[in-house]
């Protein structure tokens, strides 16, 4: 369960916004407990299932080192002719390797493009009530806008209780 930081409502684990106040919920990441493999929140201090101290355990590295079964890298033999061929190719210029002549190519540096400021004009969002042909302006300063009829928890930002047939509107 995810607890809403605004109203302390308990929401299901997969919820993205609070069921009660519609506030965006924080993203919760989980890890597996090293002791019992139960999913726990990544910021938890103890496992809620087995009581394991998650602060004392070291996190496993994301990229484990690959090891060959019983072999050390020093046991592999290096072919000296391959080393000589690679060294000769590295010392040669690209023209010698591909048989082409080296030519200088220069291009003029393009002038920087002028900076065009972005427009800051915003069109206000609005809703149209079709039966009464009333235009409702949406507040632009709110991240979540509550539309509906008043209830005892949260008053709506846009109250539709005065419109015709508002008795069928729910939260």
Protein backbone atom coordinates (compact mmCIF):
# COMPACT_ATOMS: atom_id res chain seq x y z
CA UNK A 1 0.00 0.00 0.00
CA UNK A 2 1.19 3.51 -0.85
CA UNK A 3 0.32 6.25 1.64
CA UNK A 4 -0.64 9.59 0.12
CA UNK A 5 1.68 12.38 1.33
CA UNK A 6 -1.20 14.91 1.23
CA UNK A 7 -4.13 13.17 2.93
CA UNK A 8 -2.57 9.93 4.34
CA UNK A 9 -5.02 7.75 2.41
CA UNK A 10 -3.89 4.15 1.82
CA UNK A 11 -3.76 3.46 -1.95
CA UNK A 12 -3.06 0.20 -3.83
CA UNK A 13 0.56 -0.50 -4.82
CA UNK A 14 -0.01 0.16 -8.53
CA UNK A 15 -1.78 3.53 -8.03
CA UNK A 16 -0.25 6.61 -9.66
CA UNK A 17 -2.53 9.13 -7.95
CA UNK A 18 -4.42 9.14 -4.67
CA UNK A 19 -7.92 7.66 -4.78
CA UNK A 20 -9.18 10.20 -2.25
CA UNK A 21 -7.60 13.54 -3.26
CA UNK A 22 -6.19 12.72 -6.73
CA UNK A 23 -2.72 13.98 -5.81
CA UNK A 24 0.15 12.37 -7.72
CA UNK A 25 1.75 9.67 -5.60
CA UNK A 26 5.53 9.29 -5.26
CA UNK A 27 7.16 6.47 -7.20
CA UNK A 28 8.07 3.66 -4.82
CA UNK A 29 10.88 1.29 -5.76
CA UNK A 30 11.29 -2.08 -4.14
CA UNK A 31 14.19 -4.44 -3.59
CA UNK A 32 14.25 -8.07 -2.51
CA UNK A 33 15.26 -8.85 1.06
CA UNK A 34 18.64 -10.65 1.02
CA UNK A 35 17.42 -13.00 3.75
CA UNK A 36 13.91 -14.06 2.67
CA UNK A 37 13.54 -12.53 -0.86
CA UNK A 38 10.38 -10.65 0.11
CA UNK A 39 9.92 -7.34 -1.78
CA UNK A 40 10.57 -4.36 0.53
CA UNK A 41 10.75 -0.62 -0.15
CA UNK A 42 14.21 0.53 -1.17
CA UNK A 43 14.38 3.08 1.66
CA UNK A 44 13.34 0.57 4.37
CA UNK A 45 15.66 -0.15 7.31
CA UNK A 46 14.30 -3.59 8.15
CA UNK A 47 12.42 -6.32 6.30
CA UNK A 48 8.81 -6.36 7.46
CA UNK A 49 8.57 -10.12 6.89
CA UNK A 50 11.68 -11.56 8.57
CA UNK A 51 13.12 -8.53 10.43
CA UNK A 52 16.46 -8.59 8.57
CA UNK A 53 18.54 -5.40 9.05
CA UNK A 54 18.72 -4.00 5.51
CA UNK A 55 21.12 -1.22 6.55
CA UNK A 56 23.80 -3.73 7.59
CA UNK A 57 23.68 -5.76 4.39
CA UNK A 58 25.82 -4.73 1.45
CA UNK A 59 24.07 -4.22 -1.83
CA UNK A 60 25.20 -6.62 -4.56
CA UNK A 61 27.07 -5.00 -7.41
CA UNK A 62 25.06 -4.37 -10.55
CA UNK A 63 27.67 -6.00 -12.81
CA UNK A 64 29.20 -9.14 -11.29
CA UNK A 65 32.68 -9.97 -12.50
CA UNK A 66 32.83 -12.74 -15.06
CA UNK A 67 35.22 -15.52 -14.12
CA UNK A 68 36.21 -18.55 -16.10
CA UNK A 69 35.93 -21.86 -14.32
CA UNK A 70 39.31 -22.35 -12.64
CA UNK A 71 41.31 -20.43 -15.25
CA UNK A 72 43.50 -17.41 -14.75
CA UNK A 73 43.98 -14.85 -17.54
CA UNK A 74 47.76 -15.31 -17.35
CA UNK A 75 47.50 -18.89 -18.65
CA UNK A 76 46.38 -17.81 -22.11
CA UNK A 77 49.22 -17.84 -24.66
CA UNK A 78 49.74 -14.80 -26.90
CA UNK A 79 50.80 -15.31 -30.51
CA UNK A 80 53.89 -13.08 -31.11
CA UNK A 81 53.17 -12.77 -34.87
CA UNK A 82 49.72 -11.37 -34.14
CA UNK A 83 51.22 -8.77 -31.79
CA UNK A 84 53.75 -7.71 -34.45
CA UNK A 85 51.02 -7.39 -37.12
CA UNK A 86 48.85 -5.26 -34.85
CA UNK A 87 51.79 -3.03 -33.87
CA UNK A 88 52.74 -2.49 -37.54
CA UNK A 89 49.17 -1.59 -38.47
CA UNK A 90 48.94 0.88 -35.58
CA UNK A 91 52.17 2.61 -36.64
CA UNK A 92 51.10 2.94 -40.30
CA UNK A 93 49.03 5.90 -41.46
CA UNK A 94 45.55 5.32 -42.91
CA UNK A 95 46.83 6.17 -46.40
CA UNK A 96 49.44 3.42 -46.25
CA UNK A 97 46.95 0.82 -45.09
CA UNK A 98 44.30 1.61 -47.70
CA UNK A 99 46.68 2.69 -50.49
CA UNK A 100 45.26 6.19 -50.81
CA UNK A 101 46.92 9.55 -50.70
CA UNK A 102 46.37 11.82 -47.75
CA UNK A 103 44.43 14.92 -48.74
CA UNK A 104 43.54 17.87 -46.59
CA UNK A 105 39.87 18.73 -46.56
CA UNK A 106 38.69 21.96 -45.05
CA UNK A 107 35.21 23.32 -44.85
CA UNK A 108 34.16 26.80 -43.83
CA UNK A 109 32.83 27.14 -40.32
CA UNK A 110 29.10 27.86 -40.55
CA UNK A 111 27.81 30.97 -38.86
CA UNK A 112 25.77 30.32 -35.72
CA UNK A 113 22.03 30.44 -36.20
CA UNK A 114 20.24 33.36 -34.59
CA UNK A 115 18.49 32.54 -31.34
CA UNK A 116 14.73 32.77 -31.70
CA UNK A 117 12.97 33.19 -28.35
CA UNK A 118 10.16 30.77 -27.66
CA UNK A 119 6.70 32.20 -27.39
CA UNK A 120 5.40 32.66 -23.88
CA UNK A 121 1.77 33.19 -24.85
CA UNK A 122 -0.48 30.55 -23.35
CA UNK A 123 -4.02 29.85 -24.35
CA UNK A 124 -6.22 29.14 -21.35
CA UNK A 125 -7.87 25.73 -21.25
CA UNK A 126 -11.63 25.64 -20.96
CA UNK A 127 -14.57 23.26 -20.90
CA UNK A 128 -17.90 23.80 -22.65
CA UNK A 129 -21.12 22.64 -21.00
CA UNK A 130 -23.10 21.63 -24.08
CA UNK A 131 -26.64 21.88 -22.64
CA UNK A 132 -26.27 25.45 -21.38
CA UNK A 133 -23.49 26.57 -23.76
CA UNK A 134 -21.49 27.83 -20.74
CA UNK A 135 -17.73 28.04 -21.09
CA UNK A 136 -15.79 27.05 -17.93
CA UNK A 137 -12.22 28.36 -17.69
CA UNK A 138 -9.79 25.89 -16.11
CA UNK A 139 -7.35 27.35 -13.56
CA UNK A 140 -3.82 27.29 -14.96
CA UNK A 141 -2.08 27.46 -11.58
CA UNK A 142 -3.22 24.01 -10.43
CA UNK A 143 -1.52 20.74 -11.33
CA UNK A 144 -4.65 18.68 -10.54
CA UNK A 145 -8.09 20.19 -11.14
CA UNK A 146 -11.06 18.71 -9.30
CA UNK A 147 -14.29 18.92 -11.31
CA UNK A 148 -17.61 17.76 -9.86
CA UNK A 149 -19.95 18.25 -6.95
CA UNK A 150 -18.79 19.16 -3.44
CA UNK A 151 -18.25 16.38 -0.91
CA UNK A 152 -17.07 16.31 2.69
CA UNK A 153 -13.42 15.53 1.78
CA UNK A 154 -12.32 17.90 -1.00
CA UNK A 155 -14.21 20.83 -2.50
CA UNK A 156 -14.08 20.88 -6.32
CA UNK A 157 -12.16 23.55 -8.19
CA UNK A 158 -15.02 23.66 -10.70
CA UNK A 159 -18.44 23.06 -9.13
CA UNK A 160 -20.99 21.58 -11.54
CA UNK A 161 -23.83 21.18 -9.03
CA UNK A 162 -25.74 24.15 -10.50
CA UNK A 163 -25.93 22.74 -14.03
CA UNK A 164 -28.97 20.88 -15.41
CA UNK A 165 -28.93 17.12 -14.73
CA UNK A 166 -26.10 17.52 -12.22
CA UNK A 167 -27.73 14.85 -10.06
CA UNK A 168 -26.07 12.18 -12.25
CA UNK A 169 -22.58 13.68 -11.78
CA UNK A 170 -20.37 11.85 -9.32
CA UNK A 171 -16.86 12.39 -8.03
